[in-house]
N, C-alpha and C. Protein backbone atom coordinates (compact mmCIF):
# COMPACT_ATOMS: atom_id res chain seq x y z
N MET A 1 103.01 67.51 76.47
CA MET A 1 102.52 68.71 75.38
C MET A 1 101.46 69.41 75.99
N VAL A 2 101.80 70.76 75.44
CA VAL A 2 100.85 71.58 75.84
C VAL A 2 99.68 72.02 74.95
N PHE A 3 98.22 72.02 75.37
CA PHE A 3 97.43 72.20 74.30
C PHE A 3 96.41 73.59 74.92
N TYR A 4 95.81 74.18 74.13
CA TYR A 4 95.16 75.16 74.35
C TYR A 4 93.47 75.14 74.29
N SER A 5 92.86 75.51 74.95
CA SER A 5 91.24 75.25 74.87
C SER A 5 90.79 76.53 73.80
N ASN A 6 89.72 76.50 73.24
CA ASN A 6 89.34 77.69 72.47
C ASN A 6 89.18 79.19 73.64
N ILE A 7 88.98 78.91 74.63
CA ILE A 7 88.80 79.91 75.69
C ILE A 7 90.19 80.64 75.69
N ALA A 8 91.14 79.75 75.87
CA ALA A 8 92.58 80.31 75.84
C ALA A 8 93.12 80.73 74.82
N ARG A 9 92.88 80.30 73.67
CA ARG A 9 93.21 80.97 72.37
C ARG A 9 92.49 82.54 72.41
N TYR A 10 91.22 82.43 72.70
CA TYR A 10 90.45 83.53 72.67
C TYR A 10 91.07 84.66 73.42
N ASP A 11 91.45 84.17 74.78
CA ASP A 11 92.19 85.02 75.68
C ASP A 11 93.16 85.83 75.15
N LEU A 12 94.51 84.64 74.54
CA LEU A 12 95.48 85.14 73.85
C LEU A 12 95.32 86.35 72.95
N GLN A 13 94.44 86.01 71.77
CA GLN A 13 93.79 86.99 70.99
C GLN A 13 93.37 88.61 71.59
N ASN A 14 92.84 88.30 72.72
CA ASN A 14 92.22 89.36 73.23
C ASN A 14 93.21 90.16 73.90
N ILE A 15 94.33 89.60 74.52
CA ILE A 15 95.37 90.20 75.01
C ILE A 15 96.13 90.94 74.37
N TYR A 16 96.62 90.19 72.90
CA TYR A 16 97.18 90.94 71.79
C TYR A 16 96.53 92.18 71.32
N ASP A 17 95.26 92.02 71.11
CA ASP A 17 94.46 93.17 70.72
C ASP A 17 94.46 94.35 71.50
N GLY A 18 94.22 93.94 72.80
CA GLY A 18 94.25 94.86 73.85
C GLY A 18 95.40 95.75 74.01
N LEU A 19 96.75 94.99 73.73
CA LEU A 19 97.90 95.66 74.00
C LEU A 19 98.17 96.46 72.74
N LEU A 20 97.74 96.09 71.71
CA LEU A 20 97.90 97.16 70.47
C LEU A 20 96.99 98.45 70.70
N LYS A 21 96.01 98.25 71.38
CA LYS A 21 95.07 99.12 71.42
C LYS A 21 95.15 100.22 72.61
N TRP A 22 95.99 99.67 73.64
CA TRP A 22 96.14 100.21 74.94
C TRP A 22 96.57 101.76 74.83
N GLN A 23 96.17 102.90 75.18
CA GLN A 23 96.55 103.95 75.03
C GLN A 23 96.11 104.77 76.50
N THR A 24 96.63 105.99 76.48
CA THR A 24 96.51 106.89 77.45
C THR A 24 95.28 107.77 76.93
N GLU A 25 94.81 108.68 77.97
CA GLU A 25 93.61 109.41 77.73
C GLU A 25 93.57 110.54 76.57
N ASN A 26 95.05 110.96 76.28
CA ASN A 26 95.05 111.87 75.03
C ASN A 26 95.45 110.97 73.90
N GLY A 27 95.37 109.55 73.80
CA GLY A 27 95.37 108.67 72.70
C GLY A 27 96.73 108.19 72.43
N GLN A 28 97.81 108.50 73.25
CA GLN A 28 99.13 107.92 73.04
C GLN A 28 99.00 106.57 73.23
N LEU A 29 99.71 105.75 72.35
CA LEU A 29 99.97 104.34 72.54
C LEU A 29 100.81 104.03 73.79
N TYR A 30 100.74 103.11 74.65
CA TYR A 30 101.50 102.83 75.55
C TYR A 30 102.77 101.83 75.00
N MET A 31 102.31 101.18 74.01
CA MET A 31 103.40 99.96 73.55
C MET A 31 103.45 100.21 71.97
N ASP A 32 104.31 100.03 71.23
CA ASP A 32 104.54 99.84 70.01
C ASP A 32 104.41 98.52 69.60
N TYR A 33 104.07 98.31 68.33
CA TYR A 33 103.88 97.01 67.69
C TYR A 33 105.19 96.07 67.98
N VAL A 34 106.36 96.52 67.80
CA VAL A 34 107.36 95.34 68.30
C VAL A 34 107.28 94.97 69.76
N ALA A 35 106.86 95.84 70.72
CA ALA A 35 106.69 95.70 72.31
C ALA A 35 105.45 94.65 72.45
N VAL A 36 104.49 95.01 71.74
CA VAL A 36 103.48 94.12 71.70
C VAL A 36 103.59 92.52 71.40
N VAL A 37 104.24 92.64 70.22
CA VAL A 37 104.54 91.17 69.73
C VAL A 37 105.80 90.46 70.69
N ASN A 38 106.47 91.23 71.37
CA ASN A 38 107.52 90.81 72.28
C ASN A 38 106.90 90.28 73.26
N TYR A 39 105.93 91.13 73.92
CA TYR A 39 105.24 90.58 75.29
C TYR A 39 104.30 89.46 74.96
N HIS A 40 103.63 89.45 73.65
CA HIS A 40 102.79 88.52 73.61
C HIS A 40 103.68 87.13 73.36
N ASN A 41 104.63 87.04 72.80
CA ASN A 41 105.49 85.81 72.44
C ASN A 41 106.05 85.37 73.80
N LYS A 42 106.39 86.31 74.75
CA LYS A 42 106.85 85.87 75.86
C LYS A 42 105.62 85.10 76.69
N LEU A 43 104.62 85.74 76.56
CA LEU A 43 103.43 84.92 77.33
C LEU A 43 103.08 83.64 76.82
N LEU A 44 103.31 83.59 75.47
CA LEU A 44 103.14 82.40 74.80
C LEU A 44 104.21 81.30 75.33
N ASP A 45 105.41 81.93 75.43
CA ASP A 45 106.69 80.86 75.95
C ASP A 45 106.42 80.40 77.32
N VAL A 46 105.83 81.18 78.02
CA VAL A 46 105.59 81.01 79.52
C VAL A 46 104.48 79.57 79.50
N CYS A 47 103.39 80.11 78.78
CA CYS A 47 102.49 79.10 78.66
C CYS A 47 103.00 77.55 78.11
N ASP A 48 103.91 77.79 77.25
CA ASP A 48 104.20 76.54 76.63
C ASP A 48 105.13 75.77 77.56
N ALA A 49 105.97 76.71 78.47
CA ALA A 49 106.44 76.01 79.40
C ALA A 49 106.05 75.25 80.58
N VAL A 50 104.76 75.35 80.76
CA VAL A 50 104.20 74.92 81.88
C VAL A 50 104.13 73.28 81.69
N GLY A 51 104.07 72.67 80.44
CA GLY A 51 104.23 71.34 80.52
C GLY A 51 105.54 70.85 80.99
N ASN A 52 106.57 71.76 81.20
CA ASN A 52 107.76 71.19 81.59
C ASN A 52 107.86 71.44 83.28
N LEU A 53 106.89 71.76 84.01
CA LEU A 53 106.93 72.02 85.46
C LEU A 53 107.11 70.80 86.27
N SER A 54 107.85 70.53 87.21
CA SER A 54 108.19 69.46 87.95
C SER A 54 106.83 69.50 89.12
N SER A 55 106.27 70.54 89.48
CA SER A 55 105.20 70.48 90.52
C SER A 55 104.38 71.48 90.08
N HIS A 56 102.93 71.29 90.15
CA HIS A 56 101.69 71.89 90.05
C HIS A 56 101.07 72.59 91.08
N ALA A 57 100.79 73.77 91.08
CA ALA A 57 100.05 74.56 92.13
C ALA A 57 98.63 74.61 92.03
N LEU A 58 97.86 73.89 92.96
CA LEU A 58 96.48 74.05 92.87
C LEU A 58 95.85 75.46 92.69
N ALA A 59 94.73 75.84 92.14
CA ALA A 59 94.08 77.10 92.01
C ALA A 59 93.65 77.30 93.18
N LYS A 60 93.68 78.70 93.70
CA LYS A 60 93.24 78.92 95.03
C LYS A 60 91.90 79.94 94.83
N TYR A 61 91.84 80.58 93.96
CA TYR A 61 90.94 81.95 93.95
C TYR A 61 89.68 81.13 93.01
N SER A 62 88.26 81.37 93.50
CA SER A 62 87.29 80.66 92.81
C SER A 62 87.17 81.18 91.40
N ASP A 63 87.71 82.26 91.20
CA ASP A 63 87.61 82.66 89.70
C ASP A 63 88.64 81.84 88.94
N HIS A 64 89.43 81.21 89.52
CA HIS A 64 90.40 80.28 88.74
C HIS A 64 89.74 78.82 88.48
N LYS A 65 89.17 78.37 89.68
CA LYS A 65 88.79 77.34 90.20
C LYS A 65 87.48 76.79 88.93
N ARG A 66 86.84 77.78 88.45
CA ARG A 66 85.90 77.72 87.44
C ARG A 66 86.61 77.09 86.13
N TYR A 67 87.61 77.44 85.92
CA TYR A 67 88.25 77.04 84.49
C TYR A 67 89.36 75.89 84.74
N GLY A 68 89.88 75.51 85.71
CA GLY A 68 90.86 74.47 85.98
C GLY A 68 91.23 74.07 87.36
N VAL A 69 92.04 73.08 87.52
CA VAL A 69 92.41 72.77 88.80
C VAL A 69 93.71 73.15 89.20
N TYR A 70 94.68 73.61 88.09
CA TYR A 70 96.02 74.05 88.52
C TYR A 70 96.06 75.45 87.92
N VAL A 71 97.25 76.31 88.45
CA VAL A 71 97.18 77.79 88.09
C VAL A 71 98.86 77.79 88.11
N TYR A 72 99.36 78.47 87.14
CA TYR A 72 100.67 78.94 87.31
C TYR A 72 100.71 80.49 86.89
N THR A 73 101.48 81.10 87.90
CA THR A 73 101.61 82.50 88.04
C THR A 73 102.85 83.03 87.53
N TYR A 74 102.62 83.95 86.35
CA TYR A 74 103.75 84.54 85.70
C TYR A 74 103.61 85.97 86.00
N LYS A 75 104.89 86.34 86.75
CA LYS A 75 104.74 87.81 87.17
C LYS A 75 105.45 88.72 86.28
N ARG A 76 104.67 89.19 85.54
CA ARG A 76 105.35 90.03 84.52
C ARG A 76 106.21 91.41 84.92
N HIS A 77 105.75 91.98 85.84
CA HIS A 77 106.48 92.94 86.65
C HIS A 77 105.81 93.39 87.88
N LYS A 78 105.99 94.24 88.60
CA LYS A 78 105.77 94.34 90.09
C LYS A 78 104.11 94.69 90.09
N ARG A 79 103.44 95.12 89.07
CA ARG A 79 102.05 95.35 89.07
C ARG A 79 101.05 94.24 88.25
N THR A 80 101.65 93.54 87.48
CA THR A 80 100.84 92.58 86.69
C THR A 80 101.31 91.31 86.81
N CYS A 81 100.54 90.43 87.18
CA CYS A 81 100.60 88.78 86.99
C CYS A 81 99.85 88.23 86.18
N TRP A 82 100.18 87.34 85.32
CA TRP A 82 99.21 86.56 84.56
C TRP A 82 99.08 85.25 85.12
N TYR A 83 97.77 84.69 85.10
CA TYR A 83 97.49 83.52 85.87
C TYR A 83 97.12 82.63 84.36
N ILE A 84 97.99 81.46 84.25
CA ILE A 84 97.68 80.30 83.22
C ILE A 84 97.08 79.31 83.95
N ILE A 85 95.69 79.01 83.90
CA ILE A 85 94.68 78.15 84.54
C ILE A 85 94.73 76.82 83.66
N TYR A 86 94.90 75.77 84.14
CA TYR A 86 95.02 74.42 83.30
C TYR A 86 94.57 73.21 83.85
N ASP A 87 94.50 72.24 83.24
CA ASP A 87 93.93 70.80 83.83
C ASP A 87 95.25 70.05 83.29
N ARG A 88 95.62 68.89 83.84
CA ARG A 88 96.68 67.96 83.56
C ARG A 88 95.63 66.73 82.95
N LEU A 89 96.22 66.20 81.93
CA LEU A 89 95.46 65.17 81.08
C LEU A 89 96.70 64.23 80.96
N GLY A 90 96.79 63.39 82.08
CA GLY A 90 98.08 62.35 81.87
C GLY A 90 99.29 63.18 82.01
N GLU A 91 100.13 63.12 81.01
CA GLU A 91 101.40 63.99 80.72
C GLU A 91 101.12 65.18 80.04
N ASN A 92 99.87 65.42 79.37
CA ASN A 92 99.46 66.62 78.78
C ASN A 92 99.09 67.64 79.52
N ILE A 93 99.26 68.75 79.11
CA ILE A 93 98.49 70.02 79.82
C ILE A 93 97.68 70.56 78.83
N LEU A 94 96.28 70.99 79.42
CA LEU A 94 95.59 71.79 78.58
C LEU A 94 95.14 73.18 79.41
N ILE A 95 95.49 74.03 78.80
CA ILE A 95 95.27 75.43 79.38
C ILE A 95 94.09 76.08 79.00
N GLN A 96 93.31 76.36 80.34
CA GLN A 96 91.90 76.45 80.09
C GLN A 96 91.47 77.90 80.09
N LYS A 97 92.40 78.79 80.54
CA LYS A 97 92.09 80.35 80.76
C LYS A 97 93.54 80.95 80.98
N ILE A 98 93.23 82.15 80.60
CA ILE A 98 94.50 83.08 80.85
C ILE A 98 93.94 84.35 81.24
N MET A 99 94.26 84.71 82.31
CA MET A 99 93.94 85.88 83.06
C MET A 99 94.73 86.70 83.98
N ASN A 100 94.78 87.98 84.10
CA ASN A 100 95.77 88.59 84.81
C ASN A 100 95.20 89.01 86.32
N ASN A 101 95.91 89.53 87.29
CA ASN A 101 95.65 90.04 88.37
C ASN A 101 94.54 91.00 88.55
N TYR A 102 94.50 91.85 87.44
CA TYR A 102 93.16 92.67 87.36
C TYR A 102 91.99 92.14 87.35
N GLN A 103 91.72 90.96 86.45
CA GLN A 103 90.53 90.30 86.03
C GLN A 103 90.12 89.30 87.29
N THR A 104 91.27 89.02 88.12
CA THR A 104 90.84 88.07 89.37
C THR A 104 90.14 88.94 90.51
N ILE A 105 89.04 88.55 90.93
CA ILE A 105 88.23 89.21 91.95
C ILE A 105 88.53 88.27 93.40
N ALA A 106 88.17 86.96 93.09
CA ALA A 106 88.08 86.04 94.16
C ALA A 106 88.47 84.74 93.81
């Protein structure tokens, strides 16, 4: 079973809010409401599927290791990857942090 820490829940809310408000310099929105909901739901589906993984990759970046031992990389498209950072608690997964490649420094 997959559980979410308060930080991960906050991350998901911020991702949703950020996508809704994301706009060009002249104020045009990049994504409409339906696209934002679909994007967010896909990210949730990917997070929930972490519990079904047969192998778990260790976190490599220090930014990730601060939050958890393992990381799953979801490549949204050629420029954006989402990192789902988590810990294993027996058969359960606790997602600790969700961040993208733009936020990962080291």
